[in-house]
Amino acid sequence: MKIKSVTIGIPVSDLKKATDWYREILGNPEVIHPAPDVSELSLTSTSWLQLFQVETSDSNPAILRFESNGIVASHELALKYGVQVGEIETVPGFVKYFEFYDPFGNSLSFYELLSE
């Protein structure tokens, strides 16, 4: 068996607001609505972010990480949308990253791989 694609689902308490927010933070990806109370955003040709409506949005213990080709620009974008945003951290020779939250309490991160 070989995995052909990946869909990552996260809960949100306001589907429209979440869909709009994620479209802004992820560069306006294609969005489909495959079922009631579900939005899916195309991240790559084989990966999707699925947002699904729940009554309350308690913090999700998982963290969703997105690779960036410009960590400073990604950090500025996260700051622009008023979410709790950490500082850019560096692991010398490996990665720069920062963590932040969506408006629904889900933990997110952008990272940029460093060349040696």
PDB file of N, CA and C in Angstrom:
ATOM      1  N   MET A   1       0.829  -1.176   0.000  1.00  0.00           N
ATOM      2  CA  MET A   1       0.000   0.000   0.000  1.00  0.00           C
ATOM      3  C   MET A   1       0.876   1.242   0.000  1.00  0.00           C
ATOM      4  N   LYS A   2       0.480   2.237  -0.764  1.00  0.00           N
ATOM      5  CA  LYS A   2       1.202   3.500  -0.809  1.00  0.00           C
ATOM      6  C   LYS A   2       0.214   4.637  -0.560  1.00  0.00           C
ATOM      7  N   ILE A   3       0.574   5.568   0.304  1.00  0.00           N
ATOM      8  CA  ILE A   3      -0.275   6.725   0.585  1.00  0.00           C
ATOM      9  C   ILE A   3      -0.275   7.630  -0.639  1.00  0.00           C
ATOM     10  N   LYS A   4      -1.450   7.993  -1.106  1.00  0.00           N
ATOM     11  CA  LYS A   4      -1.575   8.837  -2.294  1.00  0.00           C
ATOM     12  C   LYS A   4      -1.760  10.311  -1.954  1.00  0.00           C
ATOM     13  N   SER A   5      -2.366  10.596  -0.811  1.00  0.00           N
ATOM     14  CA  SER A   5      -2.555  11.980  -0.400  1.00  0.00           C
ATOM     15  C   SER A   5      -2.796  12.028   1.099  1.00  0.00           C
ATOM     16  N   VAL A   6      -2.772  13.232   1.660  1.00  0.00           N
ATOM     17  CA  VAL A   6      -2.983  13.416   3.082  1.00  0.00           C
ATOM     18  C   VAL A   6      -3.982  14.541   3.288  1.00  0.00           C
ATOM     19  N   THR A   7      -4.946  14.309   4.186  1.00  0.00           N
ATOM     20  CA  THR A   7      -5.881  15.347   4.605  1.00  0.00           C
ATOM     21  C   THR A   7      -5.784  15.447   6.119  1.00  0.00           C
ATOM     22  N   ILE A   8      -5.527  16.659   6.600  1.00  0.00           N
ATOM     23  CA  ILE A   8      -5.402  16.910   8.029  1.00  0.00           C
ATOM     24  C   ILE A   8      -6.642  17.676   8.460  1.00  0.00           C
ATOM     25  N   GLY A   9      -7.380  17.127   9.415  1.00  0.00           N
ATOM     26  CA  GLY A   9      -8.603  17.770   9.875  1.00  0.00           C
ATOM     27  C   GLY A   9      -8.413  18.443  11.216  1.00  0.00           C
ATOM     28  N   ILE A  10      -8.943  19.677  11.339  1.00  0.00           N
ATOM     29  CA  ILE A  10      -8.911  20.367  12.628  1.00  0.00           C
ATOM     30  C   ILE A  10     -10.276  20.982  12.906  1.00  0.00           C
ATOM     31  N   PRO A  11     -10.671  20.998  14.184  1.00  0.00           N
ATOM     32  CA  PRO A  11     -11.970  21.537  14.557  1.00  0.00           C
ATOM     33  C   PRO A  11     -11.952  23.056  14.659  1.00  0.00           C
ATOM     34  N   VAL A  12     -13.058  23.678  14.262  1.00  0.00           N
ATOM     35  CA  VAL A  12     -13.227  25.130  14.394  1.00  0.00           C
ATOM     36  C   VAL A  12     -14.663  25.411  14.816  1.00  0.00           C
ATOM     37  N   SER A  13     -14.859  26.493  15.530  1.00  0.00           N
ATOM     38  CA  SER A  13     -16.206  26.816  16.009  1.00  0.00           C
ATOM     39  C   SER A  13     -16.976  27.717  15.056  1.00  0.00           C
ATOM     40  N   ASP A  14     -16.304  28.326  14.073  1.00  0.00           N
ATOM     41  CA  ASP A  14     -16.960  29.191  13.087  1.00  0.00           C
ATOM     42  C   ASP A  14     -16.326  28.874  11.732  1.00  0.00           C
ATOM     43  N   LEU A  15     -16.986  28.034  10.941  1.00  0.00           N
ATOM     44  CA  LEU A  15     -16.399  27.524   9.700  1.00  0.00           C
ATOM     45  C   LEU A  15     -16.081  28.628   8.701  1.00  0.00           C
ATOM     46  N   LYS A  16     -16.979  29.576   8.499  1.00  0.00           N
ATOM     47  CA  LYS A  16     -16.722  30.648   7.531  1.00  0.00           C
ATOM     48  C   LYS A  16     -15.537  31.500   7.957  1.00  0.00           C
ATOM     49  N   LYS A  17     -15.534  31.902   9.219  1.00  0.00           N
ATOM     50  CA  LYS A  17     -14.423  32.715   9.732  1.00  0.00           C
ATOM     51  C   LYS A  17     -13.107  31.950   9.606  1.00  0.00           C
ATOM     52  N   ALA A  18     -13.117  30.668   9.960  1.00  0.00           N
ATOM     53  CA  ALA A  18     -11.905  29.860   9.882  1.00  0.00           C
ATOM     54  C   ALA A  18     -11.433  29.693   8.443  1.00  0.00           C
ATOM     55  N   THR A  19     -12.361  29.431   7.532  1.00  0.00           N
ATOM     56  CA  THR A  19     -12.000  29.278   6.120  1.00  0.00           C
ATOM     57  C   THR A  19     -11.354  30.552   5.600  1.00  0.00           C
ATOM     58  N   ASP A  20     -11.946  31.683   5.894  1.00  0.00           N
ATOM     59  CA  ASP A  20     -11.381  32.969   5.463  1.00  0.00           C
ATOM     60  C   ASP A  20     -10.011  33.200   6.087  1.00  0.00           C
ATOM     61  N   TRP A  21      -9.871  32.917   7.387  1.00  0.00           N
ATOM     62  CA  TRP A  21      -8.609  33.145   8.092  1.00  0.00           C
ATOM     63  C   TRP A  21      -7.506  32.265   7.498  1.00  0.00           C
ATOM     64  N   TYR A  22      -7.784  30.982   7.315  1.00  0.00           N
ATOM     65  CA  TYR A  22      -6.773  30.081   6.766  1.00  0.00           C
ATOM     66  C   TYR A  22      -6.436  30.420   5.316  1.00  0.00           C
ATOM     67  N   ARG A  23      -7.398  30.864   4.539  1.00  0.00           N
ATOM     68  CA  ARG A  23      -7.081  31.279   3.162  1.00  0.00           C
ATOM     69  C   ARG A  23      -6.079  32.432   3.188  1.00  0.00           C
ATOM     70  N   GLU A  24      -6.272  33.381   4.091  1.00  0.00           N
ATOM     71  CA  GLU A  24      -5.352  34.516   4.188  1.00  0.00           C
ATOM     72  C   GLU A  24      -3.960  34.078   4.640  1.00  0.00           C
ATOM     73  N   ILE A  25      -3.876  33.278   5.667  1.00  0.00           N
ATOM     74  CA  ILE A  25      -2.586  32.903   6.253  1.00  0.00           C
ATOM     75  C   ILE A  25      -1.816  31.919   5.362  1.00  0.00           C
ATOM     76  N   LEU A  26      -2.535  31.175   4.498  1.00  0.00           N
ATOM     77  CA  LEU A  26      -1.894  30.161   3.657  1.00  0.00           C
ATOM     78  C   LEU A  26      -1.805  30.554   2.188  1.00  0.00           C
ATOM     79  N   GLY A  27      -2.008  31.830   1.874  1.00  0.00           N
ATOM     80  CA  GLY A  27      -1.780  32.289   0.509  1.00  0.00           C
ATOM     81  C   GLY A  27      -2.918  32.031  -0.458  1.00  0.00           C
ATOM     82  N   ASN A  28      -4.146  32.034   0.041  1.00  0.00           N
ATOM     83  CA  ASN A  28      -5.346  31.931  -0.803  1.00  0.00           C
ATOM     84  C   ASN A  28      -5.436  30.627  -1.609  1.00  0.00           C
ATOM     85  N   PRO A  29      -5.330  29.483  -0.927  1.00  0.00           N
ATOM     86  CA  PRO A  29      -5.427  28.206  -1.655  1.00  0.00           C
ATOM     87  C   PRO A  29      -6.855  27.927  -2.131  1.00  0.00           C
ATOM     88  N   GLU A  30      -6.977  26.988  -3.062  1.00  0.00           N
ATOM     89  CA  GLU A  30      -8.282  26.521  -3.522  1.00  0.00           C
ATOM     90  C   GLU A  30      -9.057  25.947  -2.345  1.00  0.00           C
ATOM     91  N   VAL A  31     -10.369  26.216  -2.302  1.00  0.00           N
ATOM     92  CA  VAL A  31     -11.230  25.701  -1.240  1.00  0.00           C
ATOM     93  C   VAL A  31     -12.377  24.930  -1.863  1.00  0.00           C
ATOM     94  N   ILE A  32     -12.673  23.759  -1.300  1.00  0.00           N
ATOM     95  CA  ILE A  32     -13.872  23.022  -1.698  1.00  0.00           C
ATOM     96  C   ILE A  32     -14.694  22.746  -0.434  1.00  0.00           C
ATOM     97  N   HIS A  33     -15.963  22.428  -0.629  1.00  0.00           N
ATOM     98  CA  HIS A  33     -16.878  22.114   0.474  1.00  0.00           C
ATOM     99  C   HIS A  33     -17.483  20.738   0.193  1.00  0.00           C
ATOM    100  N   PRO A  34     -16.770  19.656   0.592  1.00  0.00           N
ATOM    101  CA  PRO A  34     -17.188  18.304   0.230  1.00  0.00           C
ATOM    102  C   PRO A  34     -18.394  17.775   1.007  1.00  0.00           C
ATOM    103  N   ALA A  35     -18.732  18.438   2.111  1.00  0.00           N
ATOM    104  CA  ALA A  35     -19.846  17.992   2.948  1.00  0.00           C
ATOM    105  C   ALA A  35     -20.342  19.182   3.762  1.00  0.00           C
ATOM    106  N   PRO A  36     -21.549  19.096   4.296  1.00  0.00           N
ATOM    107  CA  PRO A  36     -22.019  20.183   5.163  1.00  0.00           C
ATOM    108  C   PRO A  36     -21.065  20.379   6.346  1.00  0.00           C
ATOM    109  N   ASP A  37     -20.829  21.638   6.689  1.00  0.00           N
ATOM    110  CA  ASP A  37     -19.974  22.004   7.831  1.00  0.00           C
ATOM    111  C   ASP A  37     -18.520  21.571   7.664  1.00  0.00           C
ATOM    112  N   VAL A  38     -18.050  21.468   6.410  1.00  0.00           N
ATOM    113  CA  VAL A  38     -16.663  21.094   6.122  1.00  0.00           C
ATOM    114  C   VAL A  38     -16.123  21.962   4.990  1.00  0.00           C
ATOM    115  N   SER A  39     -14.917  22.509   5.197  1.00  0.00           N
ATOM    116  CA  SER A  39     -14.163  23.175   4.134  1.00  0.00           C
ATOM    117  C   SER A  39     -12.826  22.474   4.010  1.00  0.00           C
ATOM    118  N   GLU A  40     -12.357  22.280   2.792  1.00  0.00           N
ATOM    119  CA  GLU A  40     -11.031  21.715   2.574  1.00  0.00           C
ATOM    120  C   GLU A  40     -10.222  22.674   1.728  1.00  0.00           C
ATOM    121  N   LEU A  41      -9.009  22.973   2.189  1.00  0.00           N
ATOM    122  CA  LEU A  41      -8.104  23.882   1.504  1.00  0.00           C
ATOM    123  C   LEU A  41      -6.960  23.074   0.908  1.00  0.00           C
ATOM    124  N   SER A  42      -6.700  23.258  -0.365  1.00  0.00           N
ATOM    125  CA  SER A  42      -5.637  22.550  -1.053  1.00  0.00           C
ATOM    126  C   SER A  42      -4.293  23.173  -0.685  1.00  0.00           C
ATOM    127  N   LEU A  43      -3.440  22.398   0.005  1.00  0.00           N
ATOM    128  CA  LEU A  43      -2.129  22.897   0.415  1.00  0.00           C
ATOM    129  C   LEU A  43      -1.058  22.598  -0.621  1.00  0.00           C
ATOM    130  N   THR A  44      -1.089  21.383  -1.157  1.00  0.00           N
ATOM    131  CA  THR A  44      -0.194  20.976  -2.246  1.00  0.00           C
ATOM    132  C   THR A  44      -1.035  20.079  -3.149  1.00  0.00           C
ATOM    133  N   SER A  45      -0.427  19.541  -4.179  1.00  0.00           N
ATOM    134  CA  SER A  45      -1.196  18.691  -5.092  1.00  0.00           C
ATOM    135  C   SER A  45      -1.719  17.422  -4.412  1.00  0.00           C
ATOM    136  N   THR A  46      -1.138  17.054  -3.271  1.00  0.00           N
ATOM    137  CA  THR A  46      -1.577  15.830  -2.587  1.00  0.00           C
ATOM    138  C   THR A  46      -1.875  16.030  -1.102  1.00  0.00           C
ATOM    139  N   SER A  47      -2.045  17.274  -0.662  1.00  0.00           N
ATOM    140  CA  SER A  47      -2.369  17.488   0.755  1.00  0.00           C
ATOM    141  C   SER A  47      -3.437  18.561   0.919  1.00  0.00           C
ATOM    142  N   TRP A  48      -4.327  18.300   1.872  1.00  0.00           N
ATOM    143  CA  TRP A  48      -5.467  19.177   2.133  1.00  0.00           C
ATOM    144  C   TRP A  48      -5.574  19.455   3.621  1.00  0.00           C
ATOM    145  N   LEU A  49      -6.012  20.658   3.949  1.00  0.00           N
ATOM    146  CA  LEU A  49      -6.368  21.000   5.321  1.00  0.00           C
ATOM    147  C   LEU A  49      -7.886  21.005   5.393  1.00  0.00           C
ATOM    148  N   GLN A  50      -8.442  20.151   6.234  1.00  0.00           N
ATOM    149  CA  GLN A  50      -9.890  20.048   6.380  1.00  0.00           C
ATOM    150  C   GLN A  50     -10.311  20.750   7.663  1.00  0.00           C
ATOM    151  N   LEU A  51     -11.174  21.736   7.532  1.00  0.00           N
ATOM    152  CA  LEU A  51     -11.750  22.439   8.670  1.00  0.00           C
ATOM    153  C   LEU A  51     -13.150  21.904   8.866  1.00  0.00           C
ATOM    154  N   PHE A  52     -13.484  21.529  10.094  1.00  0.00           N
ATOM    155  CA  PHE A  52     -14.830  21.025  10.333  1.00  0.00           C
ATOM    156  C   PHE A  52     -15.451  21.722  11.534  1.00  0.00           C
ATOM    157  N   GLN A  53     -16.710  22.035  11.389  1.00  0.00           N
ATOM    158  CA  GLN A  53     -17.471  22.792  12.374  1.00  0.00           C
ATOM    159  C   GLN A  53     -17.762  21.950  13.613  1.00  0.00           C
ATOM    160  N   VAL A  54     -17.464  22.522  14.792  1.00  0.00           N
ATOM    161  CA  VAL A  54     -17.835  21.919  16.068  1.00  0.00           C
ATOM    162  C   VAL A  54     -18.520  22.997  16.902  1.00  0.00           C
ATOM    163  N   GLU A  55     -19.276  22.579  17.914  1.00  0.00           N
ATOM    164  CA  GLU A  55     -19.998  23.566  18.727  1.00  0.00           C
ATOM    165  C   GLU A  55     -19.063  24.431  19.544  1.00  0.00           C
ATOM    166  N   THR A  56     -18.065  23.844  20.163  1.00  0.00           N
ATOM    167  CA  THR A  56     -17.079  24.621  20.906  1.00  0.00           C
ATOM    168  C   THR A  56     -15.708  24.214  20.403  1.00  0.00           C
ATOM    169  N   SER A  57     -14.788  25.136  20.463  1.00  0.00           N
ATOM    170  CA  SER A  57     -13.448  24.862  19.971  1.00  0.00           C
ATOM    171  C   SER A  57     -12.463  24.879  21.131  1.00  0.00           C
ATOM    172  N   ASP A  58     -12.366  23.754  21.829  1.00  0.00           N
ATOM    173  CA  ASP A  58     -11.356  23.632  22.866  1.00  0.00           C
ATOM    174  C   ASP A  58      -9.998  23.485  22.197  1.00  0.00           C
ATOM    175  N   SER A  59      -8.970  23.830  22.909  1.00  0.00           N
ATOM    176  CA  SER A  59      -7.623  23.734  22.358  1.00  0.00           C
ATOM    177  C   SER A  59      -7.329  22.308  21.890  1.00  0.00           C
ATOM    178  N   ASN A  60      -6.753  22.203  20.722  1.00  0.00           N
ATOM    179  CA  ASN A  60      -6.378  20.926  20.130  1.00  0.00           C
ATOM    180  C   ASN A  60      -4.927  20.640  20.533  1.00  0.00           C
ATOM    181  N   PRO A  61      -4.622  19.490  21.130  1.00  0.00           N
ATOM    182  CA  PRO A  61      -3.256  19.227  21.582  1.00  0.00           C
ATOM    183  C   PRO A  61      -2.256  19.003  20.440  1.00  0.00           C
ATOM    184  N   ALA A  62      -2.737  18.769  19.241  1.00  0.00           N
ATOM    185  CA  ALA A  62      -1.838  18.559  18.094  1.00  0.00           C
ATOM    186  C   ALA A  62      -1.304  19.908  17.608  1.00  0.00           C
ATOM    187  N   ILE A  63      -0.201  19.870  16.868  1.00  0.00           N
ATOM    188  CA  ILE A  63       0.331  21.080  16.240  1.00  0.00           C
ATOM    189  C   ILE A  63       0.485  20.823  14.751  1.00  0.00           C
ATOM    190  N   LEU A  64       0.062  21.770  13.960  1.00  0.00           N
ATOM    191  CA  LEU A  64       0.138  21.679  12.509  1.00  0.00           C
ATOM    192  C   LEU A  64       1.254  22.610  12.049  1.00  0.00           C
ATOM    193  N   ARG A  65       2.233  22.064  11.333  1.00  0.00           N
ATOM    194  CA  ARG A  65       3.401  22.840  10.901  1.00  0.00           C
ATOM    195  C   ARG A  65       3.404  22.991   9.378  1.00  0.00           C
ATOM    196  N   PHE A  66       3.728  24.214   8.937  1.00  0.00           N
ATOM    197  CA  PHE A  66       3.782  24.530   7.515  1.00  0.00           C
ATOM    198  C   PHE A  66       5.199  24.980   7.158  1.00  0.00           C
ATOM    199  N   GLU A  67       5.779  24.382   6.112  1.00  0.00           N
ATOM    200  CA  GLU A  67       7.092  24.833   5.663  1.00  0.00           C
ATOM    201  C   GLU A  67       6.941  26.132   4.886  1.00  0.00           C
ATOM    202  N   SER A  68       7.826  27.073   5.164  1.00  0.00           N
ATOM    203  CA  SER A  68       7.815  28.390   4.541  1.00  0.00           C
ATOM    204  C   SER A  68       9.130  28.589   3.798  1.00  0.00           C
ATOM    205  N   ASN A  69       9.091  29.369   2.740  1.00  0.00           N
ATOM    206  CA  ASN A  69      10.349  29.722   2.070  1.00  0.00           C
ATOM    207  C   ASN A  69      10.771  31.146   2.444  1.00  0.00           C
ATOM    208  N   GLY A  70      10.082  31.732   3.431  1.00  0.00           N
ATOM    209  CA  GLY A  70      10.417  33.060   3.932  1.00  0.00           C
ATOM    210  C   GLY A  70       9.868  33.233   5.345  1.00  0.00           C
ATOM    211  N   ILE A  71      10.642  32.819   6.340  1.00  0.00           N
ATOM    212  CA  ILE A  71      10.142  32.781   7.711  1.00  0.00           C
ATOM    213  C   ILE A  71       9.789  34.163   8.240  1.00  0.00           C
ATOM    214  N   VAL A  72      10.546  35.188   7.873  1.00  0.00           N
ATOM    215  CA  VAL A  72      10.254  36.546   8.352  1.00  0.00           C
ATOM    216  C   VAL A  72       8.917  37.023   7.785  1.00  0.00           C
ATOM    217  N   ALA A  73       8.682  36.795   6.498  1.00  0.00           N
ATOM    218  CA  ALA A  73       7.397  37.185   5.889  1.00  0.00           C
ATOM    219  C   ALA A  73       6.245  36.398   6.502  1.00  0.00           C
ATOM    220  N   SER A  74       6.454  35.118   6.787  1.00  0.00           N
ATOM    221  CA  SER A  74       5.415  34.308   7.423  1.00  0.00           C
ATOM    222  C   SER A  74       5.114  34.828   8.827  1.00  0.00           C
ATOM    223  N   HIS A  75       6.150  35.220   9.551  1.00  0.00           N
ATOM    224  CA  HIS A  75       5.976  35.765  10.898  1.00  0.00           C
ATOM    225  C   HIS A  75       5.185  37.070  10.843  1.00  0.00           C
ATOM    226  N   GLU A  76       5.533  37.947   9.909  1.00  0.00           N
ATOM    227  CA  GLU A  76       4.801  39.212   9.759  1.00  0.00           C
ATOM    228  C   GLU A  76       3.342  38.960   9.408  1.00  0.00           C
ATOM    229  N   LEU A  77       3.076  37.963   8.569  1.00  0.00           N
ATOM    230  CA  LEU A  77       1.703  37.617   8.204  1.00  0.00           C
ATOM    231  C   LEU A  77       0.924  37.137   9.427  1.00  0.00           C
ATOM    232  N   ALA A  78       1.521  36.276  10.229  1.00  0.00           N
ATOM    233  CA  ALA A  78       0.852  35.788  11.443  1.00  0.00           C
ATOM    234  C   ALA A  78       0.579  36.944  12.403  1.00  0.00           C
ATOM    235  N   LEU A  79       1.534  37.846  12.558  1.00  0.00           N
ATOM    236  CA  LEU A  79       1.336  39.002  13.432  1.00  0.00           C
ATOM    237  C   LEU A  79       0.199  39.895  12.923  1.00  0.00           C
ATOM    238  N   LYS A  80       0.075  40.015  11.618  1.00  0.00           N
ATOM    239  CA  LYS A  80      -0.952  40.860  11.004  1.00  0.00           C
ATOM    240  C   LYS A  80      -2.363  40.411  11.389  1.00  0.00           C
ATOM    241  N   TYR A  81      -2.544  39.122  11.586  1.00  0.00           N
ATOM    242  CA  TYR A  81      -3.876  38.607  11.872  1.00  0.00           C
ATOM    243  C   TYR A  81      -4.181  38.499  13.359  1.00  0.00           C
ATOM    244  N   GLY A  82      -3.346  39.106  14.198  1.00  0.00           N
ATOM    245  CA  GLY A  82      -3.661  39.291  15.600  1.00  0.00           C
ATOM    246  C   GLY A  82      -3.765  38.043  16.448  1.00  0.00           C
ATOM    247  N   VAL A  83      -3.116  36.967  16.055  1.00  0.00           N
ATOM    248  CA  VAL A  83      -3.135  35.752  16.859  1.00  0.00           C
ATOM    249  C   VAL A  83      -1.918  35.761  17.775  1.00  0.00           C
ATOM    250  N   GLN A  84      -1.935  34.943  18.810  1.00  0.00           N
ATOM    251  CA  GLN A  84      -0.791  34.822  19.710  1.00  0.00           C
ATOM    252  C   GLN A  84       0.366  34.227  18.923  1.00  0.00           C
ATOM    253  N   VAL A  85       1.442  35.013  18.760  1.00  0.00           N
ATOM    254  CA  VAL A  85       2.560  34.619  17.904  1.00  0.00           C
ATOM    255  C   VAL A  85       3.861  34.654  18.700  1.00  0.00           C
ATOM    256  N   GLY A  86       4.600  33.558  18.669  1.00  0.00           N
ATOM    257  CA  GLY A  86       5.897  33.506  19.334  1.00  0.00           C
ATOM    258  C   GLY A  86       6.986  34.141  18.481  1.00  0.00           C
ATOM    259  N   GLU A  87       8.140  34.285  19.058  1.00  0.00           N
ATOM    260  CA  GLU A  87       9.306  34.820  18.353  1.00  0.00           C
ATOM    261  C   GLU A  87       9.888  33.759  17.422  1.00  0.00           C
ATOM    262  N   ILE A  88      10.608  34.196  16.412  1.00  0.00           N
ATOM    263  CA  ILE A  88      11.315  33.266  15.530  1.00  0.00           C
ATOM    264  C   ILE A  88      12.496  32.676  16.300  1.00  0.00           C
ATOM    265  N   GLU A  89      12.536  31.354  16.343  1.00  0.00           N
ATOM    266  CA  GLU A  89      13.613  30.620  17.010  1.00  0.00           C
ATOM    267  C   GLU A  89      14.498  29.994  15.935  1.00  0.00           C
ATOM    268  N   THR A  90      15.770  29.802  16.253  1.00  0.00           N
ATOM    269  CA  THR A  90      16.703  29.196  15.300  1.00  0.00           C
ATOM    270  C   THR A  90      17.427  28.020  15.941  1.00  0.00           C
ATOM    271  N   VAL A  91      17.466  26.908  15.219  1.00  0.00           N
ATOM    272  CA  VAL A  91      18.323  25.783  15.555  1.00  0.00           C
ATOM    273  C   VAL A  91      19.436  25.845  14.510  1.00  0.00           C
ATOM    274  N   PRO A  92      20.622  26.367  14.887  1.00  0.00           N
ATOM    275  CA  PRO A  92      21.677  26.636  13.911  1.00  0.00           C
ATOM    276  C   PRO A  92      21.971  25.451  12.992  1.00  0.00           C
ATOM    277  N   GLY A  93      22.002  25.766  11.705  1.00  0.00           N
ATOM    278  CA  GLY A  93      22.305  24.758  10.700  1.00  0.00           C
ATOM    279  C   GLY A  93      21.132  23.880  10.300  1.00  0.00           C
ATOM    280  N   PHE A  94      19.985  24.031  10.968  1.00  0.00           N
ATOM    281  CA  PHE A  94      18.855  23.148  10.678  1.00  0.00           C
ATOM    282  C   PHE A  94      17.569  23.880  10.297  1.00  0.00           C
ATOM    283  N   VAL A  95      17.051  24.711  11.207  1.00  0.00           N
ATOM    284  CA  VAL A  95      15.712  25.245  10.986  1.00  0.00           C
ATOM    285  C   VAL A  95      15.493  26.554  11.742  1.00  0.00           C
ATOM    286  N   LYS A  96      14.649  27.408  11.161  1.00  0.00           N
ATOM    287  CA  LYS A  96      14.085  28.558  11.859  1.00  0.00           C
ATOM    288  C   LYS A  96      12.589  28.301  11.927  1.00  0.00           C
ATOM    289  N   TYR A  97      11.964  28.682  13.047  1.00  0.00           N
ATOM    290  CA  TYR A  97      10.537  28.409  13.196  1.00  0.00           C
ATOM    291  C   TYR A  97       9.922  29.366  14.217  1.00  0.00           C
ATOM    292  N   PHE A  98       8.594  29.430  14.197  1.00  0.00           N
ATOM    293  CA  PHE A  98       7.852  30.084  15.265  1.00  0.00           C
ATOM    294  C   PHE A  98       6.500  29.401  15.375  1.00  0.00           C
ATOM    295  N   GLU A  99       5.945  29.501  16.574  1.00  0.00           N
ATOM    296  CA  GLU A  99       4.644  28.903  16.824  1.00  0.00           C
ATOM    297  C   GLU A  99       3.612  29.998  17.037  1.00  0.00           C
ATOM    298  N   PHE A 100       2.355  29.693  16.694  1.00  0.00           N
ATOM    299  CA  PHE A 100       1.262  30.636  16.866  1.00  0.00           C
ATOM    300  C   PHE A 100      -0.037  29.860  16.936  1.00  0.00           C
ATOM    301  N   TYR A 101      -1.128  30.561  17.199  1.00  0.00           N
ATOM    302  CA  TYR A 101      -2.440  29.925  17.326  1.00  0.00           C
ATOM    303  C   TYR A 101      -3.415  30.529  16.335  1.00  0.00           C
ATOM    304  N   ASP A 102      -4.327  29.695  15.852  1.00  0.00           N
ATOM    305  CA  ASP A 102      -5.426  30.233  15.057  1.00  0.00           C
ATOM    306  C   ASP A 102      -6.468  30.814  16.023  1.00  0.00           C
ATOM    307  N   PRO A 103      -7.478  31.509  15.521  1.00  0.00           N
ATOM    308  CA  PRO A 103      -8.472  32.105  16.414  1.00  0.00           C
ATOM    309  C   PRO A 103      -9.317  31.078  17.178  1.00  0.00           C
ATOM    310  N   PHE A 104      -9.139  29.800  16.902  1.00  0.00           N
ATOM    311  CA  PHE A 104      -9.953  28.748  17.509  1.00  0.00           C
ATOM    312  C   PHE A 104      -9.157  27.911  18.501  1.00  0.00           C
ATOM    313  N   GLY A 105      -7.929  28.338  18.805  1.00  0.00           N
ATOM    314  CA  GLY A 105      -7.113  27.663  19.802  1.00  0.00           C
ATOM    315  C   GLY A 105      -6.223  26.550  19.282  1.00  0.00           C
ATOM    316  N   ASN A 106      -6.200  26.330  17.963  1.00  0.00           N
ATOM    317  CA  ASN A 106      -5.346  25.295  17.388  1.00  0.00           C
ATOM    318  C   ASN A 106      -3.911  25.812  17.281  1.00  0.00           C
ATOM    319  N   SER A 107      -2.950  24.980  17.657  1.00  0.00           N
ATOM    320  CA  SER A 107      -1.546  25.331  17.647  1.00  0.00           C
ATOM    321  C   SER A 107      -0.953  25.099  16.260  1.00  0.00           C
ATOM    322  N   LEU A 108      -0.272  26.126  15.742  1.00  0.00           N
ATOM    323  CA  LEU A 108       0.310  26.089  14.401  1.00  0.00           C
ATOM    324  C   LEU A 108       1.764  26.519  14.465  1.00  0.00           C
ATOM    325  N   SER A 109       2.490  26.252  13.394  1.00  0.00           N
ATOM    326  CA  SER A 109       3.878  26.670  13.313  1.00  0.00           C
ATOM    327  C   SER A 109       4.262  26.833  11.847  1.00  0.00           C
ATOM    328  N   PHE A 110       5.082  27.838  11.575  1.00  0.00           N
ATOM    329  CA  PHE A 110       5.763  27.947  10.291  1.00  0.00           C
ATOM    330  C   PHE A 110       7.226  27.634  10.549  1.00  0.00           C
ATOM    331  N   TYR A 111       7.871  26.956   9.598  1.00  0.00           N
ATOM    332  CA  TYR A 111       9.298  26.692   9.723  1.00  0.00           C
ATOM    333  C   TYR A 111       9.967  26.858   8.372  1.00  0.00           C
ATOM    334  N   GLU A 112      11.262  27.174   8.425  1.00  0.00           N
ATOM    335  CA  GLU A 112      12.081  27.289   7.223  1.00  0.00           C
ATOM    336  C   GLU A 112      13.351  26.478   7.446  1.00  0.00           C
ATOM    337  N   LEU A 113      13.599  25.523   6.555  1.00  0.00           N
ATOM    338  CA  LEU A 113      14.801  24.704   6.655  1.00  0.00           C
ATOM    339  C   LEU A 113      16.004  25.534   6.245  1.00  0.00           C
ATOM    340  N   LEU A 114      17.101  25.357   6.949  1.00  0.00           N
ATOM    341  CA  LEU A 114      18.339  26.087   6.663  1.00  0.00           C
ATOM    342  C   LEU A 114      19.306  25.179   5.946  1.00  0.00           C
ATOM    343  N   SER A 115      20.021  25.724   4.977  1.00  0.00           N
ATOM    344  CA  SER A 115      21.052  24.927   4.319  1.00  0.00           C
ATOM    345  C   SER A 115      22.322  25.026   5.151  1.00  0.00           C
ATOM    346  N   GLU A 116      23.076  23.978   5.097  1.00  0.00           N
ATOM    347  CA  GLU A 116      24.314  23.947   5.914  1.00  0.00           C
ATOM    348  C   GLU A 116      25.440  24.632   5.223  1.00  0.00           C
TER     349      GLU A 116
END
